[in-house]
PDB file of N, CA and C in Angstrom:
ATOM      1  N   LEU A   1      31.364  14.203 -15.908  1.00  0.00           N
ATOM      2  CA  LEU A   1      31.346  12.868 -16.527  1.00  0.00           C
ATOM      3  C   LEU A   1      30.129  12.073 -16.057  1.00  0.00           C
ATOM      4  N   LEU A   2      28.902  12.836 -15.959  1.00  0.00           N
ATOM      5  CA  LEU A   2      27.787  12.098 -15.523  1.00  0.00           C
ATOM      6  C   LEU A   2      27.327  11.012 -16.519  1.00  0.00           C
ATOM      7  N   GLY A   3      27.613  11.283 -17.801  1.00  0.00           N
ATOM      8  CA  GLY A   3      27.353  10.357 -18.844  1.00  0.00           C
ATOM      9  C   GLY A   3      28.250   9.228 -18.983  1.00  0.00           C
ATOM     10  N   GLY A   4      29.336   9.334 -18.353  1.00  0.00           N
ATOM     11  CA  GLY A   4      30.387   8.244 -18.483  1.00  0.00           C
ATOM     12  C   GLY A   4      31.195   8.469 -19.783  1.00  0.00           C
ATOM     13  N   VAL A   5      32.302   7.854 -19.780  1.00  0.00           N
ATOM     14  CA  VAL A   5      33.225   7.786 -21.004  1.00  0.00           C
ATOM     15  C   VAL A   5      33.631   6.314 -21.172  1.00  0.00           C
ATOM     16  N   PRO A   6      34.117   5.920 -22.260  1.00  0.00           N
ATOM     17  CA  PRO A   6      34.496   4.574 -22.442  1.00  0.00           C
ATOM     18  C   PRO A   6      35.392   4.124 -21.241  1.00  0.00           C
ATOM     19  N   GLY A   7      35.010   3.054 -20.596  1.00  0.00           N
ATOM     20  CA  GLY A   7      35.661   2.370 -19.526  1.00  0.00           C
ATOM     21  C   GLY A   7      35.208   3.005 -18.186  1.00  0.00           C
ATOM     22  N   VAL A   8      34.231   3.900 -18.211  1.00  0.00           N
ATOM     23  CA  VAL A   8      33.695   4.421 -16.863  1.00  0.00           C
ATOM     24  C   VAL A   8      32.276   4.458 -16.936  1.00  0.00           C
ATOM     25  N   ARG A   9      31.658   3.994 -15.924  1.00  0.00           N
ATOM     26  CA  ARG A   9      30.127   3.855 -15.871  1.00  0.00           C
ATOM     27  C   ARG A   9      29.524   5.234 -15.703  1.00  0.00           C
ATOM     28  N   PRO A  10      28.365   5.430 -16.181  1.00  0.00           N
ATOM     29  CA  PRO A  10      27.593   6.662 -15.983  1.00  0.00           C
ATOM     30  C   PRO A  10      27.483   7.027 -14.517  1.00  0.00           C
ATOM     31  N   GLY A  11      27.447   8.269 -14.202  1.00  0.00           N
ATOM     32  CA  GLY A  11      27.139   8.700 -12.763  1.00  0.00           C
ATOM     33  C   GLY A  11      25.819   8.310 -12.299  1.00  0.00           C
ATOM     34  N   ARG A  12      25.683   8.139 -11.028  1.00  0.00           N
ATOM     35  CA  ARG A  12      24.372   7.679 -10.414  1.00  0.00           C
ATOM     36  C   ARG A  12      23.864   8.976  -9.763  1.00  0.00           C
ATOM     37  N   VAL A  13      22.684   9.453 -10.127  1.00  0.00           N
ATOM     38  CA  VAL A  13      22.116  10.661  -9.617  1.00  0.00           C
ATOM     39  C   VAL A  13      20.795  10.239  -8.857  1.00  0.00           C
ATOM     40  N   VAL A  14      20.705  10.665  -7.661  1.00  0.00           N
ATOM     41  CA  VAL A  14      19.518  10.410  -6.773  1.00  0.00           C
ATOM     42  C   VAL A  14      18.790  11.775  -6.537  1.00  0.00           C
ATOM     43  N   ILE A  15      17.492  11.767  -6.852  1.00  0.00           N
ATOM     44  CA  ILE A  15      16.699  12.941  -6.718  1.00  0.00           C
ATOM     45  C   ILE A  15      15.655  12.678  -5.644  1.00  0.00           C
ATOM     46  N   LEU A  16      15.645  13.460  -4.608  1.00  0.00           N
ATOM     47  CA  LEU A  16      14.684  13.329  -3.542  1.00  0.00           C
ATOM     48  C   LEU A  16      13.500  14.257  -3.765  1.00  0.00           C
ATOM     49  N   GLY A  17      12.358  13.664  -4.206  1.00  0.00           N
ATOM     50  CA  GLY A  17      11.212  14.502  -4.497  1.00  0.00           C
ATOM     51  C   GLY A  17      11.108  14.619  -6.015  1.00  0.00           C
ATOM     52  N   GLY A  18       9.890  14.305  -6.504  1.00  0.00           N
ATOM     53  CA  GLY A  18       9.684  14.415  -7.979  1.00  0.00           C
ATOM     54  C   GLY A  18       8.714  15.546  -8.317  1.00  0.00           C
ATOM     55  N   GLY A  19       8.862  16.572  -7.617  1.00  0.00           N
ATOM     56  CA  GLY A  19       7.999  17.791  -7.950  1.00  0.00           C
ATOM     57  C   GLY A  19       8.595  18.481  -9.079  1.00  0.00           C
ATOM     58  N   VAL A  20       8.317  19.760  -9.360  1.00  0.00           N
ATOM     59  CA  VAL A  20       8.813  20.527 -10.453  1.00  0.00           C
ATOM     60  C   VAL A  20      10.288  20.588 -10.558  1.00  0.00           C
ATOM     61  N   VAL A  21      10.990  20.961  -9.441  1.00  0.00           N
ATOM     62  CA  VAL A  21      12.409  21.012  -9.436  1.00  0.00           C
ATOM     63  C   VAL A  21      13.055  19.652  -9.654  1.00  0.00           C
ATOM     64  N   GLY A  22      12.494  18.634  -9.000  1.00  0.00           N
ATOM     65  CA  GLY A  22      13.126  17.285  -9.159  1.00  0.00           C
ATOM     66  C   GLY A  22      12.972  16.739 -10.556  1.00  0.00           C
ATOM     67  N   THR A  23      11.748  17.019 -11.124  1.00  0.00           N
ATOM     68  CA  THR A  23      11.514  16.541 -12.484  1.00  0.00           C
ATOM     69  C   THR A  23      12.477  17.220 -13.462  1.00  0.00           C
ATOM     70  N   GLU A  24      12.654  18.524 -13.344  1.00  0.00           N
ATOM     71  CA  GLU A  24      13.590  19.227 -14.288  1.00  0.00           C
ATOM     72  C   GLU A  24      15.028  18.783 -14.009  1.00  0.00           C
ATOM     73  N   ALA A  25      15.413  18.532 -12.711  1.00  0.00           N
ATOM     74  CA  ALA A  25      16.766  17.964 -12.568  1.00  0.00           C
ATOM     75  C   ALA A  25      16.881  16.628 -13.170  1.00  0.00           C
ATOM     76  N   ALA A  26      15.830  15.773 -13.112  1.00  0.00           N
ATOM     77  CA  ALA A  26      15.870  14.488 -13.717  1.00  0.00           C
ATOM     78  C   ALA A  26      16.072  14.556 -15.249  1.00  0.00           C
ATOM     79  N   ARG A  27      15.352  15.586 -15.909  1.00  0.00           N
ATOM     80  CA  ARG A  27      15.352  15.781 -17.341  1.00  0.00           C
ATOM     81  C   ARG A  27      16.834  16.076 -17.698  1.00  0.00           C
ATOM     82  N   ILE A  28      17.541  16.926 -16.960  1.00  0.00           N
ATOM     83  CA  ILE A  28      18.938  17.310 -17.218  1.00  0.00           C
ATOM     84  C   ILE A  28      19.826  16.126 -17.088  1.00  0.00           C
ATOM     85  N   ALA A  29      19.597  15.404 -15.928  1.00  0.00           N
ATOM     86  CA  ALA A  29      20.561  14.269 -15.679  1.00  0.00           C
ATOM     87  C   ALA A  29      20.386  13.148 -16.730  1.00  0.00           C
ATOM     88  N   VAL A  30      19.122  12.899 -17.020  1.00  0.00           N
ATOM     89  CA  VAL A  30      18.858  11.887 -18.116  1.00  0.00           C
ATOM     90  C   VAL A  30      19.462  12.288 -19.427  1.00  0.00           C
ATOM     91  N   GLY A  31      19.350  13.633 -19.745  1.00  0.00           N
ATOM     92  CA  GLY A  31      19.841  14.119 -20.985  1.00  0.00           C
ATOM     93  C   GLY A  31      21.448  14.054 -21.050  1.00  0.00           C
ATOM     94  N   MET A  32      22.007  14.041 -19.910  1.00  0.00           N
ATOM     95  CA  MET A  32      23.429  14.005 -19.828  1.00  0.00           C
ATOM     96  C   MET A  32      23.948  12.516 -19.828  1.00  0.00           C
ATOM     97  N   GLY A  33      22.998  11.520 -19.790  1.00  0.00           N
ATOM     98  CA  GLY A  33      23.306  10.191 -19.818  1.00  0.00           C
ATOM     99  C   GLY A  33      23.536   9.458 -18.397  1.00  0.00           C
ATOM    100  N   ALA A  34      23.127  10.170 -17.395  1.00  0.00           N
ATOM    101  CA  ALA A  34      23.316   9.624 -16.041  1.00  0.00           C
ATOM    102  C   ALA A  34      22.326   8.488 -15.729  1.00  0.00           C
ATOM    103  N   ALA A  35      22.616   7.686 -14.776  1.00  0.00           N
ATOM    104  CA  ALA A  35      21.663   6.727 -14.239  1.00  0.00           C
ATOM    105  C   ALA A  35      20.847   7.466 -13.138  1.00  0.00           C
ATOM    106  N   VAL A  36      19.596   7.645 -13.357  1.00  0.00           N
ATOM    107  CA  VAL A  36      18.794   8.449 -12.355  1.00  0.00           C
ATOM    108  C   VAL A  36      17.800   7.652 -11.603  1.00  0.00           C
ATOM    109  N   GLN A  37      17.765   7.986 -10.265  1.00  0.00           N
ATOM    110  CA  GLN A  37      16.708   7.424  -9.433  1.00  0.00           C
ATOM    111  C   GLN A  37      15.944   8.589  -8.855  1.00  0.00           C
ATOM    112  N   ILE A  38      14.632   8.562  -8.805  1.00  0.00           N
ATOM    113  CA  ILE A  38      13.734   9.548  -8.208  1.00  0.00           C
ATOM    114  C   ILE A  38      12.975   8.870  -7.112  1.00  0.00           C
ATOM    115  N   LEU A  39      12.989   9.489  -5.895  1.00  0.00           N
ATOM    116  CA  LEU A  39      12.209   9.010  -4.817  1.00  0.00           C
ATOM    117  C   LEU A  39      11.129  10.031  -4.446  1.00  0.00           C
ATOM    118  N   ASP A  40       9.952   9.511  -4.167  1.00  0.00           N
ATOM    119  CA  ASP A  40       8.796  10.432  -3.808  1.00  0.00           C
ATOM    120  C   ASP A  40       7.800   9.598  -3.011  1.00  0.00           C
ATOM    121  N   VAL A  41       7.123  10.322  -2.143  1.00  0.00           N
ATOM    122  CA  VAL A  41       6.077   9.613  -1.281  1.00  0.00           C
ATOM    123  C   VAL A  41       4.762   9.615  -1.861  1.00  0.00           C
ATOM    124  N   ASN A  42       4.550  10.462  -2.989  1.00  0.00           N
ATOM    125  CA  ASN A  42       3.262  10.471  -3.703  1.00  0.00           C
ATOM    126  C   ASN A  42       3.215   9.486  -4.855  1.00  0.00           C
ATOM    127  N   VAL A  43       2.365   8.428  -4.677  1.00  0.00           N
ATOM    128  CA  VAL A  43       2.312   7.397  -5.664  1.00  0.00           C
ATOM    129  C   VAL A  43       1.751   7.928  -7.045  1.00  0.00           C
ATOM    130  N   ASP A  44       0.788   8.833  -6.925  1.00  0.00           N
ATOM    131  CA  ASP A  44       0.274   9.498  -8.210  1.00  0.00           C
ATOM    132  C   ASP A  44       1.324  10.210  -8.952  1.00  0.00           C
ATOM    133  N   ARG A  45       2.279  10.930  -8.189  1.00  0.00           N
ATOM    134  CA  ARG A  45       3.323  11.602  -8.848  1.00  0.00           C
ATOM    135  C   ARG A  45       4.346  10.651  -9.424  1.00  0.00           C
ATOM    136  N   LEU A  46       4.597   9.565  -8.819  1.00  0.00           N
ATOM    137  CA  LEU A  46       5.472   8.520  -9.418  1.00  0.00           C
ATOM    138  C   LEU A  46       4.887   7.943 -10.747  1.00  0.00           C
ATOM    139  N   ALA A  47       3.566   7.728 -10.690  1.00  0.00           N
ATOM    140  CA  ALA A  47       2.870   7.243 -11.906  1.00  0.00           C
ATOM    141  C   ALA A  47       2.997   8.336 -13.041  1.00  0.00           C
ATOM    142  N   TYR A  48       2.831   9.615 -12.681  1.00  0.00           N
ATOM    143  CA  TYR A  48       2.980  10.659 -13.644  1.00  0.00           C
ATOM    144  C   TYR A  48       4.419  10.614 -14.224  1.00  0.00           C
ATOM    145  N   LEU A  49       5.443  10.564 -13.338  1.00  0.00           N
ATOM    146  CA  LEU A  49       6.778  10.626 -13.795  1.00  0.00           C
ATOM    147  C   LEU A  49       7.094   9.367 -14.698  1.00  0.00           C
ATOM    148  N   GLU A  50       6.395   8.345 -14.459  1.00  0.00           N
ATOM    149  CA  GLU A  50       6.616   7.115 -15.345  1.00  0.00           C
ATOM    150  C   GLU A  50       6.125   7.324 -16.738  1.00  0.00           C
ATOM    151  N   THR A  51       5.047   8.123 -16.901  1.00  0.00           N
ATOM    152  CA  THR A  51       4.585   8.509 -18.141  1.00  0.00           C
ATOM    153  C   THR A  51       5.533   9.428 -18.902  1.00  0.00           C
ATOM    154  N   ILE A  52       6.263  10.310 -18.157  1.00  0.00           N
ATOM    155  CA  ILE A  52       7.257  11.213 -18.761  1.00  0.00           C
ATOM    156  C   ILE A  52       8.513  10.497 -19.089  1.00  0.00           C
ATOM    157  N   PHE A  53       9.108   9.794 -18.160  1.00  0.00           N
ATOM    158  CA  PHE A  53      10.427   9.157 -18.346  1.00  0.00           C
ATOM    159  C   PHE A  53      10.396   7.707 -18.806  1.00  0.00           C
ATOM    160  N   GLY A  54       9.378   7.002 -18.511  1.00  0.00           N
ATOM    161  CA  GLY A  54       9.342   5.522 -18.855  1.00  0.00           C
ATOM    162  C   GLY A  54      10.485   4.849 -18.170  1.00  0.00           C
ATOM    163  N   SER A  55      11.217   4.016 -18.887  1.00  0.00           N
ATOM    164  CA  SER A  55      12.275   3.220 -18.218  1.00  0.00           C
ATOM    165  C   SER A  55      13.646   3.921 -18.151  1.00  0.00           C
ATOM    166  N   ARG A  56      13.624   5.222 -18.549  1.00  0.00           N
ATOM    167  CA  ARG A  56      14.934   6.005 -18.485  1.00  0.00           C
ATOM    168  C   ARG A  56      15.326   6.347 -17.090  1.00  0.00           C
ATOM    169  N   VAL A  57      14.436   6.252 -16.103  1.00  0.00           N
ATOM    170  CA  VAL A  57      14.708   6.553 -14.735  1.00  0.00           C
ATOM    171  C   VAL A  57      14.174   5.391 -13.817  1.00  0.00           C
ATOM    172  N   GLU A  58      14.731   5.309 -12.672  1.00  0.00           N
ATOM    173  CA  GLU A  58      14.253   4.294 -11.654  1.00  0.00           C
ATOM    174  C   GLU A  58      13.360   5.103 -10.753  1.00  0.00           C
ATOM    175  N   LEU A  59      12.107   4.771 -10.548  1.00  0.00           N
ATOM    176  CA  LEU A  59      11.218   5.452  -9.640  1.00  0.00           C
ATOM    177  C   LEU A  59      10.993   4.616  -8.394  1.00  0.00           C
ATOM    178  N   LEU A  60      11.189   5.240  -7.183  1.00  0.00           N
ATOM    179  CA  LEU A  60      11.179   4.463  -5.960  1.00  0.00           C
ATOM    180  C   LEU A  60      10.274   5.226  -4.918  1.00  0.00           C
ATOM    181  N   TYR A  61       9.491   4.456  -4.100  1.00  0.00           N
ATOM    182  CA  TYR A  61       8.760   5.019  -3.059  1.00  0.00           C
ATOM    183  C   TYR A  61       9.722   5.484  -2.001  1.00  0.00           C
ATOM    184  N   SER A  62       9.548   6.724  -1.473  1.00  0.00           N
ATOM    185  CA  SER A  62      10.468   7.329  -0.576  1.00  0.00           C
ATOM    186  C   SER A  62      10.138   6.822   0.882  1.00  0.00           C
ATOM    187  N   ASN A  63      11.109   6.264   1.575  1.00  0.00           N
ATOM    188  CA  ASN A  63      11.119   6.082   3.017  1.00  0.00           C
ATOM    189  C   ASN A  63      12.463   6.069   3.525  1.00  0.00           C
ATOM    190  N   SER A  64      12.669   6.124   4.772  1.00  0.00           N
ATOM    191  CA  SER A  64      14.092   6.348   5.265  1.00  0.00           C
ATOM    192  C   SER A  64      15.008   5.159   4.973  1.00  0.00           C
ATOM    193  N   ALA A  65      14.490   3.911   4.927  1.00  0.00           N
ATOM    194  CA  ALA A  65      15.426   2.799   4.525  1.00  0.00           C
ATOM    195  C   ALA A  65      15.736   2.959   3.026  1.00  0.00           C
ATOM    196  N   GLN A  66      14.841   3.336   2.159  1.00  0.00           N
ATOM    197  CA  GLN A  66      15.118   3.416   0.783  1.00  0.00           C
ATOM    198  C   GLN A  66      16.120   4.524   0.472  1.00  0.00           C
ATOM    199  N   ILE A  67      15.880   5.685   1.156  1.00  0.00           N
ATOM    200  CA  ILE A  67      16.851   6.832   0.990  1.00  0.00           C
ATOM    201  C   ILE A  67      18.179   6.479   1.432  1.00  0.00           C
ATOM    202  N   GLU A  68      18.360   5.782   2.581  1.00  0.00           N
ATOM    203  CA  GLU A  68      19.651   5.404   3.038  1.00  0.00           C
ATOM    204  C   GLU A  68      20.382   4.472   2.041  1.00  0.00           C
ATOM    205  N   ALA A  69      19.580   3.583   1.443  1.00  0.00           N
ATOM    206  CA  ALA A  69      20.198   2.583   0.524  1.00  0.00           C
ATOM    207  C   ALA A  69      20.662   3.246  -0.765  1.00  0.00           C
ATOM    208  N   VAL A  70      19.886   4.131  -1.329  1.00  0.00           N
ATOM    209  CA  VAL A  70      20.360   4.699  -2.620  1.00  0.00           C
ATOM    210  C   VAL A  70      21.255   5.884  -2.470  1.00  0.00           C
ATOM    211  N   VAL A  71      21.148   6.702  -1.447  1.00  0.00           N
ATOM    212  CA  VAL A  71      22.091   7.822  -1.335  1.00  0.00           C
ATOM    213  C   VAL A  71      23.551   7.358  -1.042  1.00  0.00           C
ATOM    214  N   SER A  72      23.595   6.255  -0.334  1.00  0.00           N
ATOM    215  CA  SER A  72      25.030   5.799  -0.073  1.00  0.00           C
ATOM    216  C   SER A  72      25.730   5.375  -1.280  1.00  0.00           C
ATOM    217  N   GLN A  73      25.024   5.056  -2.430  1.00  0.00           N
ATOM    218  CA  GLN A  73      25.657   4.635  -3.623  1.00  0.00           C
ATOM    219  C   GLN A  73      25.658   5.754  -4.696  1.00  0.00           C
ATOM    220  N   ALA A  74      25.087   6.852  -4.391  1.00  0.00           N
ATOM    221  CA  ALA A  74      24.998   7.980  -5.409  1.00  0.00           C
ATOM    222  C   ALA A  74      26.295   8.829  -5.596  1.00  0.00           C
ATOM    223  N   ASP A  75      26.437   9.270  -6.824  1.00  0.00           N
ATOM    224  CA  ASP A  75      27.559  10.185  -7.075  1.00  0.00           C
ATOM    225  C   ASP A  75      27.078  11.640  -6.922  1.00  0.00           C
ATOM    226  N   LEU A  76      25.713  11.846  -7.160  1.00  0.00           N
ATOM    227  CA  LEU A  76      25.250  13.231  -7.039  1.00  0.00           C
ATOM    228  C   LEU A  76      23.813  13.132  -6.609  1.00  0.00           C
TER     229      LEU A  76
END
């Protein structure tokens, strides 16, 4: 139920790292209708991901505080 059903919010997916595997995982999760957050330490990669996904994902700079905040609320 990543995409949600009537009366249920879409699942929250957190992806640590926006490399090849993280990008493909995000494509699948976005395609299923999930709310996706991608964390990465490479600002250039985050900019590239923004060109691919636009506003369909939330892009965050990765650090320990940020990871702790988003992972605690994630479904996957």
